[in-house]
Amino acid sequence: MGSEHGRHGPPSPAQLGCARQDGDRFVSQPARAFYTLDGELRLVGASPATFAVWGRPPAELIGRKLVEAFPWVKGGAVHEALEAALRSFRPVRLQTHSEVMGVLVDVEIYPVREGLQVSFSPARPG
């Protein structure tokens, strides 16, 4: 039997824990999306919530370097944080504006043997 995701298309922002307000603006809710990068910052896996937020299918992104799939990431705060986590093998947390979601997001980056585990969600107020 297929998953809910497969039968009904990608989850809506509300299903991901994001609520739209003022048109396309997302507001903070508890859901987190996550993805895994290898040591060269290639996407090797991600949650369905991540693909839904990014609005692109896994086949289009798996195996691609993050900066190739999302060129605006190169040289930005997230790219610098990813590189720092790889160099130091220490977790990095930051808050930055998401070009895709159009809001401030909390990002947590954890080094793992294979590369990096990254989670993100709309920033919580306060």
PDB file of N, CA and C in Angstrom:
ATOM      1  N   MET A   1       0.844  -1.185   0.000  1.00  0.00           N
ATOM      2  CA  MET A   1       0.000   0.000   0.000  1.00  0.00           C
ATOM      3  C   MET A   1       0.881   1.236   0.000  1.00  0.00           C
ATOM      4  N   GLY A   2       0.540   2.269  -0.769  1.00  0.00           N
ATOM      5  CA  GLY A   2       1.332   3.494  -0.872  1.00  0.00           C
ATOM      6  C   GLY A   2       1.200   4.350   0.357  1.00  0.00           C
ATOM      7  N   SER A   3       2.161   5.235   0.508  1.00  0.00           N
ATOM      8  CA  SER A   3       2.117   6.166   1.638  1.00  0.00           C
ATOM      9  C   SER A   3       1.115   7.271   1.362  1.00  0.00           C
ATOM     10  N   GLU A   4       0.736   7.978   2.396  1.00  0.00           N
ATOM     11  CA  GLU A   4      -0.155   9.128   2.223  1.00  0.00           C
ATOM     12  C   GLU A   4       0.488  10.140   1.293  1.00  0.00           C
ATOM     13  N   HIS A   5       1.798  10.294   1.445  1.00  0.00           N
ATOM     14  CA  HIS A   5       2.520  11.255   0.604  1.00  0.00           C
ATOM     15  C   HIS A   5       2.373  10.876  -0.872  1.00  0.00           C
ATOM     16  N   GLY A   6       2.573   9.604  -1.186  1.00  0.00           N
ATOM     17  CA  GLY A   6       2.521   9.158  -2.568  1.00  0.00           C
ATOM     18  C   GLY A   6       1.138   9.270  -3.185  1.00  0.00           C
ATOM     19  N   ARG A   7       0.077   9.047  -2.416  1.00  0.00           N
ATOM     20  CA  ARG A   7      -1.269   9.054  -2.969  1.00  0.00           C
ATOM     21  C   ARG A   7      -1.854  10.447  -3.106  1.00  0.00           C
ATOM     22  N   HIS A   8      -1.429  11.361  -2.288  1.00  0.00           N
ATOM     23  CA  HIS A   8      -2.066  12.669  -2.262  1.00  0.00           C
ATOM     24  C   HIS A   8      -1.118  13.814  -2.567  1.00  0.00           C
ATOM     25  N   GLY A   9       0.073  13.532  -3.085  1.00  0.00           N
ATOM     26  CA  GLY A   9       1.038  14.584  -3.366  1.00  0.00           C
ATOM     27  C   GLY A   9       1.800  14.966  -2.108  1.00  0.00           C
ATOM     28  N   PRO A  10       2.663  15.961  -2.221  1.00  0.00           N
ATOM     29  CA  PRO A  10       3.472  16.337  -1.068  1.00  0.00           C
ATOM     30  C   PRO A  10       2.611  16.903   0.050  1.00  0.00           C
ATOM     31  N   PRO A  11       3.088  16.784   1.298  1.00  0.00           N
ATOM     32  CA  PRO A  11       2.333  17.339   2.410  1.00  0.00           C
ATOM     33  C   PRO A  11       2.199  18.844   2.282  1.00  0.00           C
ATOM     34  N   SER A  12       1.116  19.352   2.785  1.00  0.00           N
ATOM     35  CA  SER A  12       0.905  20.801   2.778  1.00  0.00           C
ATOM     36  C   SER A  12       1.758  21.440   3.861  1.00  0.00           C
ATOM     37  N   PRO A  13       1.979  22.753   3.799  1.00  0.00           N
ATOM     38  CA  PRO A  13       2.711  23.414   4.882  1.00  0.00           C
ATOM     39  C   PRO A  13       2.078  23.156   6.247  1.00  0.00           C
ATOM     40  N   ALA A  14       0.750  23.093   6.328  1.00  0.00           N
ATOM     41  CA  ALA A  14       0.088  22.825   7.610  1.00  0.00           C
ATOM     42  C   ALA A  14       0.454  21.431   8.110  1.00  0.00           C
ATOM     43  N   GLN A  15       0.523  20.437   7.205  1.00  0.00           N
ATOM     44  CA  GLN A  15       0.892  19.090   7.604  1.00  0.00           C
ATOM     45  C   GLN A  15       2.341  19.037   8.080  1.00  0.00           C
ATOM     46  N   LEU A  16       3.182  19.942   7.569  1.00  0.00           N
ATOM     47  CA  LEU A  16       4.572  20.003   7.982  1.00  0.00           C
ATOM     48  C   LEU A  16       4.749  20.770   9.276  1.00  0.00           C
ATOM     49  N   GLY A  17       3.682  21.360   9.780  1.00  0.00           N
ATOM     50  CA  GLY A  17       3.784  22.145  10.990  1.00  0.00           C
ATOM     51  C   GLY A  17       4.003  23.614  10.705  1.00  0.00           C
ATOM     52  N   CYS A  18       3.783  24.037   9.479  1.00  0.00           N
ATOM     53  CA  CYS A  18       3.927  25.435   9.110  1.00  0.00           C
ATOM     54  C   CYS A  18       2.546  25.956   8.722  1.00  0.00           C
ATOM     55  N   ALA A  19       2.233  27.124   9.141  1.00  0.00           N
ATOM     56  CA  ALA A  19       0.956  27.729   8.779  1.00  0.00           C
ATOM     57  C   ALA A  19       1.230  28.962   7.944  1.00  0.00           C
ATOM     58  N   ARG A  20       0.478  29.156   6.882  1.00  0.00           N
ATOM     59  CA  ARG A  20       0.669  30.340   6.047  1.00  0.00           C
ATOM     60  C   ARG A  20      -0.106  31.508   6.648  1.00  0.00           C
ATOM     61  N   GLN A  21       0.512  32.633   6.580  1.00  0.00           N
ATOM     62  CA  GLN A  21      -0.097  33.855   7.075  1.00  0.00           C
ATOM     63  C   GLN A  21       0.375  34.972   6.148  1.00  0.00           C
ATOM     64  N   ASP A  22      -0.478  35.924   5.842  1.00  0.00           N
ATOM     65  CA  ASP A  22      -0.096  37.030   4.949  1.00  0.00           C
ATOM     66  C   ASP A  22       0.417  36.503   3.612  1.00  0.00           C
ATOM     67  N   GLY A  23      -0.374  35.745   2.921  1.00  0.00           N
ATOM     68  CA  GLY A  23       0.042  35.229   1.621  1.00  0.00           C
ATOM     69  C   GLY A  23       0.947  34.035   1.766  1.00  0.00           C
ATOM     70  N   ASP A  24       2.214  34.202   1.370  1.00  0.00           N
ATOM     71  CA  ASP A  24       3.150  33.086   1.383  1.00  0.00           C
ATOM     72  C   ASP A  24       4.041  33.046   2.615  1.00  0.00           C
ATOM     73  N   ARG A  25       3.813  33.890   3.577  1.00  0.00           N
ATOM     74  CA  ARG A  25       4.679  33.929   4.758  1.00  0.00           C
ATOM     75  C   ARG A  25       4.362  32.763   5.688  1.00  0.00           C
ATOM     76  N   PHE A  26       5.397  32.006   6.062  1.00  0.00           N
ATOM     77  CA  PHE A  26       5.238  30.909   7.003  1.00  0.00           C
ATOM     78  C   PHE A  26       5.412  31.431   8.420  1.00  0.00           C
ATOM     79  N   VAL A  27       4.712  30.834   9.354  1.00  0.00           N
ATOM     80  CA  VAL A  27       4.900  31.175  10.763  1.00  0.00           C
ATOM     81  C   VAL A  27       5.350  29.940  11.518  1.00  0.00           C
ATOM     82  N   SER A  28       5.982  30.161  12.630  1.00  0.00           N
ATOM     83  CA  SER A  28       6.612  29.107  13.405  1.00  0.00           C
ATOM     84  C   SER A  28       5.618  28.082  13.947  1.00  0.00           C
ATOM     85  N   GLN A  29       5.973  26.831  13.776  1.00  0.00           N
ATOM     86  CA  GLN A  29       5.273  25.695  14.360  1.00  0.00           C
ATOM     87  C   GLN A  29       6.347  24.674  14.732  1.00  0.00           C
ATOM     88  N   PRO A  30       6.004  23.584  15.416  1.00  0.00           N
ATOM     89  CA  PRO A  30       7.021  22.690  15.942  1.00  0.00           C
ATOM     90  C   PRO A  30       7.697  21.748  14.950  1.00  0.00           C
ATOM     91  N   ALA A  31       7.193  21.539  13.750  1.00  0.00           N
ATOM     92  CA  ALA A  31       7.761  20.539  12.849  1.00  0.00           C
ATOM     93  C   ALA A  31       9.181  20.898  12.427  1.00  0.00           C
ATOM     94  N   ARG A  32      10.010  19.867  12.227  1.00  0.00           N
ATOM     95  CA  ARG A  32      11.370  20.060  11.738  1.00  0.00           C
ATOM     96  C   ARG A  32      11.570  19.164  10.518  1.00  0.00           C
ATOM     97  N   ALA A  33      12.295  19.676   9.588  1.00  0.00           N
ATOM     98  CA  ALA A  33      12.697  18.894   8.430  1.00  0.00           C
ATOM     99  C   ALA A  33      14.187  18.582   8.603  1.00  0.00           C
ATOM    100  N   PHE A  34      14.667  17.519   7.973  1.00  0.00           N
ATOM    101  CA  PHE A  34      16.086  17.206   8.097  1.00  0.00           C
ATOM    102  C   PHE A  34      16.614  16.592   6.815  1.00  0.00           C
ATOM    103  N   TYR A  35      17.934  16.711   6.657  1.00  0.00           N
ATOM    104  CA  TYR A  35      18.614  16.103   5.525  1.00  0.00           C
ATOM    105  C   TYR A  35      20.038  15.731   5.916  1.00  0.00           C
ATOM    106  N   THR A  36      20.650  14.844   5.110  1.00  0.00           N
ATOM    107  CA  THR A  36      22.009  14.373   5.351  1.00  0.00           C
ATOM    108  C   THR A  36      22.867  14.699   4.143  1.00  0.00           C
ATOM    109  N   LEU A  37      24.059  15.218   4.425  1.00  0.00           N
ATOM    110  CA  LEU A  37      25.035  15.547   3.387  1.00  0.00           C
ATOM    111  C   LEU A  37      26.276  14.695   3.595  1.00  0.00           C
ATOM    112  N   ASP A  38      26.961  14.355   2.504  1.00  0.00           N
ATOM    113  CA  ASP A  38      28.231  13.660   2.645  1.00  0.00           C
ATOM    114  C   ASP A  38      29.332  14.693   2.899  1.00  0.00           C
ATOM    115  N   GLY A  39      30.569  14.261   2.962  1.00  0.00           N
ATOM    116  CA  GLY A  39      31.684  15.149   3.251  1.00  0.00           C
ATOM    117  C   GLY A  39      31.973  16.189   2.184  1.00  0.00           C
ATOM    118  N   GLU A  40      31.357  16.037   1.019  1.00  0.00           N
ATOM    119  CA  GLU A  40      31.511  17.023  -0.056  1.00  0.00           C
ATOM    120  C   GLU A  40      30.246  17.842  -0.239  1.00  0.00           C
ATOM    121  N   LEU A  41      29.375  17.778   0.767  1.00  0.00           N
ATOM    122  CA  LEU A  41      28.109  18.514   0.802  1.00  0.00           C
ATOM    123  C   LEU A  41      27.144  18.110  -0.309  1.00  0.00           C
ATOM    124  N   ARG A  42      27.191  16.808  -0.656  1.00  0.00           N
ATOM    125  CA  ARG A  42      26.195  16.239  -1.568  1.00  0.00           C
ATOM    126  C   ARG A  42      25.035  15.723  -0.745  1.00  0.00           C
ATOM    127  N   LEU A  43      23.826  15.931  -1.228  1.00  0.00           N
ATOM    128  CA  LEU A  43      22.644  15.436  -0.533  1.00  0.00           C
ATOM    129  C   LEU A  43      22.562  13.922  -0.701  1.00  0.00           C
ATOM    130  N   VAL A  44      22.556  13.204   0.424  1.00  0.00           N
ATOM    131  CA  VAL A  44      22.463  11.746   0.368  1.00  0.00           C
ATOM    132  C   VAL A  44      21.139  11.223   0.913  1.00  0.00           C
ATOM    133  N   GLY A  45      20.381  12.073   1.582  1.00  0.00           N
ATOM    134  CA  GLY A  45      19.079  11.668   2.079  1.00  0.00           C
ATOM    135  C   GLY A  45      18.367  12.848   2.714  1.00  0.00           C
ATOM    136  N   ALA A  46      17.042  12.731   2.807  1.00  0.00           N
ATOM    137  CA  ALA A  46      16.244  13.800   3.415  1.00  0.00           C
ATOM    138  C   ALA A  46      14.870  13.266   3.772  1.00  0.00           C
ATOM    139  N   SER A  47      14.240  13.929   4.718  1.00  0.00           N
ATOM    140  CA  SER A  47      12.882  13.571   5.112  1.00  0.00           C
ATOM    141  C   SER A  47      11.886  14.040   4.058  1.00  0.00           C
ATOM    142  N   PRO A  48      10.720  13.400   3.980  1.00  0.00           N
ATOM    143  CA  PRO A  48       9.687  13.885   3.060  1.00  0.00           C
ATOM    144  C   PRO A  48       9.334  15.356   3.318  1.00  0.00           C
ATOM    145  N   ALA A  49       9.376  15.778   4.579  1.00  0.00           N
ATOM    146  CA  ALA A  49       9.080  17.177   4.901  1.00  0.00           C
ATOM    147  C   ALA A  49      10.077  18.115   4.227  1.00  0.00           C
ATOM    148  N   THR A  50      11.336  17.699   4.150  1.00  0.00           N
ATOM    149  CA  THR A  50      12.355  18.528   3.509  1.00  0.00           C
ATOM    150  C   THR A  50      12.046  18.718   2.028  1.00  0.00           C
ATOM    151  N   PHE A  51      11.750  17.626   1.335  1.00  0.00           N
ATOM    152  CA  PHE A  51      11.446  17.742  -0.095  1.00  0.00           C
ATOM    153  C   PHE A  51      10.196  18.578  -0.327  1.00  0.00           C
ATOM    154  N   ALA A  52       9.224  18.446   0.565  1.00  0.00           N
ATOM    155  CA  ALA A  52       7.999  19.238   0.431  1.00  0.00           C
ATOM    156  C   ALA A  52       8.294  20.728   0.609  1.00  0.00           C
ATOM    157  N   VAL A  53       9.100  21.066   1.610  1.00  0.00           N
ATOM    158  CA  VAL A  53       9.464  22.471   1.822  1.00  0.00           C
ATOM    159  C   VAL A  53      10.257  22.996   0.631  1.00  0.00           C
ATOM    160  N   TRP A  54      11.193  22.200   0.141  1.00  0.00           N
ATOM    161  CA  TRP A  54      12.006  22.624  -0.990  1.00  0.00           C
ATOM    162  C   TRP A  54      11.214  22.647  -2.289  1.00  0.00           C
ATOM    163  N   GLY A  55      10.102  21.910  -2.335  1.00  0.00           N
ATOM    164  CA  GLY A  55       9.269  21.896  -3.534  1.00  0.00           C
ATOM    165  C   GLY A  55       9.912  21.197  -4.722  1.00  0.00           C
ATOM    166  N   ARG A  56      10.807  20.244  -4.422  1.00  0.00           N
ATOM    167  CA  ARG A  56      11.498  19.506  -5.489  1.00  0.00           C
ATOM    168  C   ARG A  56      11.567  18.034  -5.118  1.00  0.00           C
ATOM    169  N   PRO A  57      11.475  17.148  -6.101  1.00  0.00           N
ATOM    170  CA  PRO A  57      11.456  15.712  -5.811  1.00  0.00           C
ATOM    171  C   PRO A  57      12.851  15.172  -5.475  1.00  0.00           C
ATOM    172  N   PRO A  58      12.905  14.075  -4.718  1.00  0.00           N
ATOM    173  CA  PRO A  58      14.197  13.465  -4.373  1.00  0.00           C
ATOM    174  C   PRO A  58      15.069  13.174  -5.589  1.00  0.00           C
ATOM    175  N   ALA A  59      14.486  12.671  -6.667  1.00  0.00           N
ATOM    176  CA  ALA A  59      15.270  12.306  -7.847  1.00  0.00           C
ATOM    177  C   ALA A  59      16.030  13.501  -8.427  1.00  0.00           C
ATOM    178  N   GLU A  60      15.529  14.690  -8.202  1.00  0.00           N
ATOM    179  CA  GLU A  60      16.170  15.896  -8.716  1.00  0.00           C
ATOM    180  C   GLU A  60      17.322  16.363  -7.823  1.00  0.00           C
ATOM    181  N   LEU A  61      17.345  15.916  -6.568  1.00  0.00           N
ATOM    182  CA  LEU A  61      18.301  16.462  -5.606  1.00  0.00           C
ATOM    183  C   LEU A  61      19.317  15.478  -5.039  1.00  0.00           C
ATOM    184  N   ILE A  62      18.924  14.228  -4.844  1.00  0.00           N
ATOM    185  CA  ILE A  62      19.835  13.242  -4.250  1.00  0.00           C
ATOM    186  C   ILE A  62      21.083  13.105  -5.126  1.00  0.00           C
ATOM    187  N   GLY A  63      22.245  13.180  -4.484  1.00  0.00           N
ATOM    188  CA  GLY A  63      23.520  13.049  -5.193  1.00  0.00           C
ATOM    189  C   GLY A  63      24.096  14.378  -5.674  1.00  0.00           C
ATOM    190  N   ARG A  64      23.314  15.434  -5.600  1.00  0.00           N
ATOM    191  CA  ARG A  64      23.805  16.750  -6.039  1.00  0.00           C
ATOM    192  C   ARG A  64      24.394  17.516  -4.869  1.00  0.00           C
ATOM    193  N   LYS A  65      25.414  18.317  -5.156  1.00  0.00           N
ATOM    194  CA  LYS A  65      25.953  19.200  -4.129  1.00  0.00           C
ATOM    195  C   LYS A  65      24.901  20.247  -3.814  1.00  0.00           C
ATOM    196  N   LEU A  66      24.817  20.592  -2.534  1.00  0.00           N
ATOM    197  CA  LEU A  66      23.818  21.553  -2.085  1.00  0.00           C
ATOM    198  C   LEU A  66      23.931  22.874  -2.850  1.00  0.00           C
ATOM    199  N   VAL A  67      25.162  23.332  -3.095  1.00  0.00           N
ATOM    200  CA  VAL A  67      25.341  24.616  -3.780  1.00  0.00           C
ATOM    201  C   VAL A  67      25.028  24.536  -5.279  1.00  0.00           C
ATOM    202  N   GLU A  68      24.966  23.336  -5.836  1.00  0.00           N
ATOM    203  CA  GLU A  68      24.532  23.181  -7.229  1.00  0.00           C
ATOM    204  C   GLU A  68      23.012  23.198  -7.298  1.00  0.00           C
ATOM    205  N   ALA A  69      22.385  22.536  -6.342  1.00  0.00           N
ATOM    206  CA  ALA A  69      20.917  22.475  -6.319  1.00  0.00           C
ATOM    207  C   ALA A  69      20.314  23.817  -5.910  1.00  0.00           C
ATOM    208  N   PHE A  70      20.995  24.516  -5.005  1.00  0.00           N
ATOM    209  CA  PHE A  70      20.523  25.802  -4.485  1.00  0.00           C
ATOM    210  C   PHE A  70      21.683  26.799  -4.545  1.00  0.00           C
ATOM    211  N   PRO A  71      21.946  27.384  -5.710  1.00  0.00           N
ATOM    212  CA  PRO A  71      23.125  28.242  -5.889  1.00  0.00           C
ATOM    213  C   PRO A  71      23.225  29.404  -4.906  1.00  0.00           C
ATOM    214  N   TRP A  72      22.088  29.925  -4.444  1.00  0.00           N
ATOM    215  CA  TRP A  72      22.124  31.062  -3.521  1.00  0.00           C
ATOM    216  C   TRP A  72      22.700  30.697  -2.163  1.00  0.00           C
ATOM    217  N   VAL A  73      22.856  29.402  -1.867  1.00  0.00           N
ATOM    218  CA  VAL A  73      23.423  28.956  -0.590  1.00  0.00           C
ATOM    219  C   VAL A  73      24.927  29.256  -0.535  1.00  0.00           C
ATOM    220  N   LYS A  74      25.596  29.188  -1.694  1.00  0.00           N
ATOM    221  CA  LYS A  74      27.053  29.338  -1.747  1.00  0.00           C
ATOM    222  C   LYS A  74      27.493  30.657  -1.115  1.00  0.00           C
ATOM    223  N   GLY A  75      28.395  30.547  -0.139  1.00  0.00           N
ATOM    224  CA  GLY A  75      28.957  31.715   0.513  1.00  0.00           C
ATOM    225  C   GLY A  75      28.083  32.332   1.596  1.00  0.00           C
ATOM    226  N   GLY A  76      26.863  31.828   1.763  1.00  0.00           N
ATOM    227  CA  GLY A  76      25.950  32.368   2.771  1.00  0.00           C
ATOM    228  C   GLY A  76      26.178  31.751   4.146  1.00  0.00           C
ATOM    229  N   ALA A  77      25.357  32.155   5.087  1.00  0.00           N
ATOM    230  CA  ALA A  77      25.496  31.711   6.479  1.00  0.00           C
ATOM    231  C   ALA A  77      25.399  30.194   6.621  1.00  0.00           C
ATOM    232  N   VAL A  78      24.459  29.567   5.908  1.00  0.00           N
ATOM    233  CA  VAL A  78      24.306  28.107   6.033  1.00  0.00           C
ATOM    234  C   VAL A  78      25.526  27.405   5.447  1.00  0.00           C
ATOM    235  N   HIS A  79      25.986  27.834   4.297  1.00  0.00           N
ATOM    236  CA  HIS A  79      27.165  27.229   3.664  1.00  0.00           C
ATOM    237  C   HIS A  79      28.378  27.345   4.582  1.00  0.00           C
ATOM    238  N   GLU A  80      28.588  28.524   5.165  1.00  0.00           N
ATOM    239  CA  GLU A  80      29.700  28.722   6.084  1.00  0.00           C
ATOM    240  C   GLU A  80      29.568  27.824   7.316  1.00  0.00           C
ATOM    241  N   ALA A  81      28.350  27.684   7.835  1.00  0.00           N
ATOM    242  CA  ALA A  81      28.119  26.829   9.002  1.00  0.00           C
ATOM    243  C   ALA A  81      28.366  25.357   8.670  1.00  0.00           C
ATOM    244  N   LEU A  82      27.953  24.925   7.484  1.00  0.00           N
ATOM    245  CA  LEU A  82      28.202  23.540   7.060  1.00  0.00           C
ATOM    246  C   LEU A  82      29.702  23.276   6.981  1.00  0.00           C
ATOM    247  N   GLU A  83      30.429  24.187   6.357  1.00  0.00           N
ATOM    248  CA  GLU A  83      31.883  24.041   6.230  1.00  0.00           C
ATOM    249  C   GLU A  83      32.545  24.029   7.606  1.00  0.00           C
ATOM    250  N   ALA A  84      32.096  24.905   8.515  1.00  0.00           N
ATOM    251  CA  ALA A  84      32.660  24.955   9.860  1.00  0.00           C
ATOM    252  C   ALA A  84      32.418  23.648  10.607  1.00  0.00           C
ATOM    253  N   ALA A  85      31.227  23.085  10.488  1.00  0.00           N
ATOM    254  CA  ALA A  85      30.919  21.820  11.153  1.00  0.00           C
ATOM    255  C   ALA A  85      31.781  20.685  10.605  1.00  0.00           C
ATOM    256  N   LEU A  86      32.017  20.682   9.295  1.00  0.00           N
ATOM    257  CA  LEU A  86      32.885  19.660   8.701  1.00  0.00           C
ATOM    258  C   LEU A  86      34.315  19.792   9.217  1.00  0.00           C
ATOM    259  N   ARG A  87      34.820  21.025   9.285  1.00  0.00           N
ATOM    260  CA  ARG A  87      36.200  21.255   9.730  1.00  0.00           C
ATOM    261  C   ARG A  87      36.398  20.915  11.206  1.00  0.00           C
ATOM    262  N   SER A  88      35.472  21.343  12.037  1.00  0.00           N
ATOM    263  CA  SER A  88      35.641  21.212  13.489  1.00  0.00           C
ATOM    264  C   SER A  88      35.087  19.916  14.064  1.00  0.00           C
ATOM    265  N   PHE A  89      34.209  19.259  13.315  1.00  0.00           N
ATOM    266  CA  PHE A  89      33.465  18.088  13.778  1.00  0.00           C
ATOM    267  C   PHE A  89      32.720  18.408  15.076  1.00  0.00           C
ATOM    268  N   ARG A  90      32.181  19.627  15.136  1.00  0.00           N
ATOM    269  CA  ARG A  90      31.365  20.080  16.267  1.00  0.00           C
ATOM    270  C   ARG A  90      30.020  20.560  15.742  1.00  0.00           C
ATOM    271  N   PRO A  91      28.952  20.391  16.537  1.00  0.00           N
ATOM    272  CA  PRO A  91      27.637  20.884  16.114  1.00  0.00           C
ATOM    273  C   PRO A  91      27.638  22.401  15.940  1.00  0.00           C
ATOM    274  N   VAL A  92      26.831  22.857  15.008  1.00  0.00           N
ATOM    275  CA  VAL A  92      26.674  24.284  14.750  1.00  0.00           C
ATOM    276  C   VAL A  92      25.183  24.582  14.718  1.00  0.00           C
ATOM    277  N   ARG A  93      24.799  25.647  15.382  1.00  0.00           N
ATOM    278  CA  ARG A  93      23.406  26.099  15.350  1.00  0.00           C
ATOM    279  C   ARG A  93      23.397  27.542  14.880  1.00  0.00           C
ATOM    280  N   LEU A  94      22.412  27.869  14.055  1.00  0.00           N
ATOM    281  CA  LEU A  94      22.287  29.240  13.604  1.00  0.00           C
ATOM    282  C   LEU A  94      20.841  29.545  13.279  1.00  0.00           C
ATOM    283  N   GLN A  95      20.573  30.822  13.175  1.00  0.00           N
ATOM    284  CA  GLN A  95      19.266  31.297  12.747  1.00  0.00           C
ATOM    285  C   GLN A  95      19.529  32.175  11.536  1.00  0.00           C
ATOM    286  N   THR A  96      18.800  31.917  10.452  1.00  0.00           N
ATOM    287  CA  THR A  96      19.032  32.647   9.214  1.00  0.00           C
ATOM    288  C   THR A  96      17.736  32.734   8.420  1.00  0.00           C
ATOM    289  N   HIS A  97      17.726  33.589   7.428  1.00  0.00           N
ATOM    290  CA  HIS A  97      16.553  33.722   6.564  1.00  0.00           C
ATOM    291  C   HIS A  97      16.594  32.636   5.494  1.00  0.00           C
ATOM    292  N   SER A  98      15.492  31.912   5.315  1.00  0.00           N
ATOM    293  CA  SER A  98      15.389  30.881   4.286  1.00  0.00           C
ATOM    294  C   SER A  98      14.845  31.492   3.003  1.00  0.00           C
ATOM    295  N   GLU A  99      15.612  31.378   1.936  1.00  0.00           N
ATOM    296  CA  GLU A  99      15.150  31.853   0.624  1.00  0.00           C
ATOM    297  C   GLU A  99      13.949  31.042   0.148  1.00  0.00           C
ATOM    298  N   VAL A 100      13.930  29.750   0.470  1.00  0.00           N
ATOM    299  CA  VAL A 100      12.856  28.866   0.017  1.00  0.00           C
ATOM    300  C   VAL A 100      11.571  29.104   0.794  1.00  0.00           C
ATOM    301  N   MET A 101      11.676  29.189   2.125  1.00  0.00           N
ATOM    302  CA  MET A 101      10.488  29.326   2.961  1.00  0.00           C
ATOM    303  C   MET A 101      10.064  30.778   3.127  1.00  0.00           C
ATOM    304  N   GLY A 102      10.991  31.696   2.918  1.00  0.00           N
ATOM    305  CA  GLY A 102      10.665  33.107   3.046  1.00  0.00           C
ATOM    306  C   GLY A 102      10.537  33.596   4.472  1.00  0.00           C
ATOM    307  N   VAL A 103      11.130  32.870   5.429  1.00  0.00           N
ATOM    308  CA  VAL A 103      11.070  33.261   6.841  1.00  0.00           C
ATOM    309  C   VAL A 103      12.402  32.959   7.519  1.00  0.00           C
ATOM    310  N   LEU A 104      12.528  33.426   8.738  1.00  0.00           N
ATOM    311  CA  LEU A 104      13.661  33.108   9.582  1.00  0.00           C
ATOM    312  C   LEU A 104      13.552  31.648  10.013  1.00  0.00           C
ATOM    313  N   VAL A 105      14.652  30.904   9.927  1.00  0.00           N
ATOM    314  CA  VAL A 105      14.648  29.493  10.313  1.00  0.00           C
ATOM    315  C   VAL A 105      15.758  29.207  11.313  1.00  0.00           C
ATOM    316  N   ASP A 106      15.489  28.231  12.180  1.00  0.00           N
ATOM    317  CA  ASP A 106      16.503  27.681  13.078  1.00  0.00           C
ATOM    318  C   ASP A 106      17.116  26.486  12.368  1.00  0.00           C
ATOM    319  N   VAL A 107      18.450  26.451  12.304  1.00  0.00           N
ATOM    320  CA  VAL A 107      19.178  25.376  11.638  1.00  0.00           C
ATOM    321  C   VAL A 107      20.129  24.744  12.647  1.00  0.00           C
ATOM    322  N   GLU A 108      20.128  23.421  12.701  1.00  0.00           N
ATOM    323  CA  GLU A 108      21.054  22.679  13.554  1.00  0.00           C
ATOM    324  C   GLU A 108      21.828  21.715  12.675  1.00  0.00           C
ATOM    325  N   ILE A 109      23.157  21.752  12.800  1.00  0.00           N
ATOM    326  CA  ILE A 109      24.047  20.934  11.971  1.00  0.00           C
ATOM    327  C   ILE A 109      24.875  20.047  12.891  1.00  0.00           C
ATOM    328  N   TYR A 110      24.805  18.744  12.657  1.00  0.00           N
ATOM    329  CA  TYR A 110      25.529  17.783  13.480  1.00  0.00           C
ATOM    330  C   TYR A 110      26.457  16.943  12.609  1.00  0.00           C
ATOM    331  N   PRO A 111      27.759  16.984  12.899  1.00  0.00           N
ATOM    332  CA  PRO A 111      28.682  16.109  12.168  1.00  0.00           C
ATOM    333  C   PRO A 111      28.404  14.647  12.513  1.00  0.00           C
ATOM    334  N   VAL A 112      28.434  13.809  11.505  1.00  0.00           N
ATOM    335  CA  VAL A 112      28.307  12.365  11.655  1.00  0.00           C
ATOM    336  C   VAL A 112      29.419  11.733  10.829  1.00  0.00           C
ATOM    337  N   ARG A 113      29.655  10.453  11.017  1.00  0.00           N
ATOM    338  CA  ARG A 113      30.756   9.787  10.317  1.00  0.00           C
ATOM    339  C   ARG A 113      30.707  10.012   8.801  1.00  0.00           C
ATOM    340  N   GLU A 114      29.509   9.975   8.238  1.00  0.00           N
ATOM    341  CA  GLU A 114      29.343  10.086   6.781  1.00  0.00           C
ATOM    342  C   GLU A 114      29.379  11.518   6.272  1.00  0.00           C
ATOM    343  N   GLY A 115      29.233  12.505   7.155  1.00  0.00           N
ATOM    344  CA  GLY A 115      29.174  13.903   6.708  1.00  0.00           C
ATOM    345  C   GLY A 115      28.458  14.767   7.731  1.00  0.00           C
ATOM    346  N   LEU A 116      27.262  15.234   7.380  1.00  0.00           N
ATOM    347  CA  LEU A 116      26.513  16.123   8.259  1.00  0.00           C
ATOM    348  C   LEU A 116      25.035  15.767   8.265  1.00  0.00           C
ATOM    349  N   GLN A 117      24.423  15.869   9.427  1.00  0.00           N
ATOM    350  CA  GLN A 117      22.970  15.751   9.581  1.00  0.00           C
ATOM    351  C   GLN A 117      22.476  17.159   9.880  1.00  0.00           C
ATOM    352  N   VAL A 118      21.521  17.651   9.094  1.00  0.00           N
ATOM    353  CA  VAL A 118      21.034  19.020   9.215  1.00  0.00           C
ATOM    354  C   VAL A 118      19.534  19.005   9.443  1.00  0.00           C
ATOM    355  N   SER A 119      19.069  19.772  10.425  1.00  0.00           N
ATOM    356  CA  SER A 119      17.634  19.924  10.625  1.00  0.00           C
ATOM    357  C   SER A 119      17.312  21.407  10.609  1.00  0.00           C
ATOM    358  N   PHE A 120      16.085  21.717  10.192  1.00  0.00           N
ATOM    359  CA  PHE A 120      15.673  23.105  10.149  1.00  0.00           C
ATOM    360  C   PHE A 120      14.167  23.211  10.363  1.00  0.00           C
ATOM    361  N   SER A 121      13.761  24.348  10.881  1.00  0.00           N
ATOM    362  CA  SER A 121      12.342  24.631  11.087  1.00  0.00           C
ATOM    363  C   SER A 121      12.164  26.137  11.164  1.00  0.00           C
ATOM    364  N   PRO A 122      10.932  26.623  10.941  1.00  0.00           N
ATOM    365  CA  PRO A 122      10.710  28.047  11.120  1.00  0.00           C
ATOM    366  C   PRO A 122      11.129  28.441  12.543  1.00  0.00           C
ATOM    367  N   ALA A 123      11.769  29.596  12.659  1.00  0.00           N
ATOM    368  CA  ALA A 123      12.254  30.057  13.960  1.00  0.00           C
ATOM    369  C   ALA A 123      11.089  30.244  14.935  1.00  0.00           C
ATOM    370  N   ARG A 124      11.346  29.864  16.161  1.00  0.00           N
ATOM    371  CA  ARG A 124      10.326  30.046  17.215  1.00  0.00           C
ATOM    372  C   ARG A 124      10.420  31.470  17.730  1.00  0.00           C
ATOM    373  N   PRO A 125       9.280  32.090  17.956  1.00  0.00           N
ATOM    374  CA  PRO A 125       9.318  33.457  18.472  1.00  0.00           C
ATOM    375  C   PRO A 125       9.929  33.508  19.869  1.00  0.00           C
ATOM    376  N   GLY A 126      10.588  34.649  20.132  1.00  0.00           N
ATOM    377  CA  GLY A 126      11.095  34.926  21.470  1.00  0.00           C
ATOM    378  C   GLY A 126      12.297  34.180  21.774  1.00  0.00           C
TER     379      GLY A 126
END
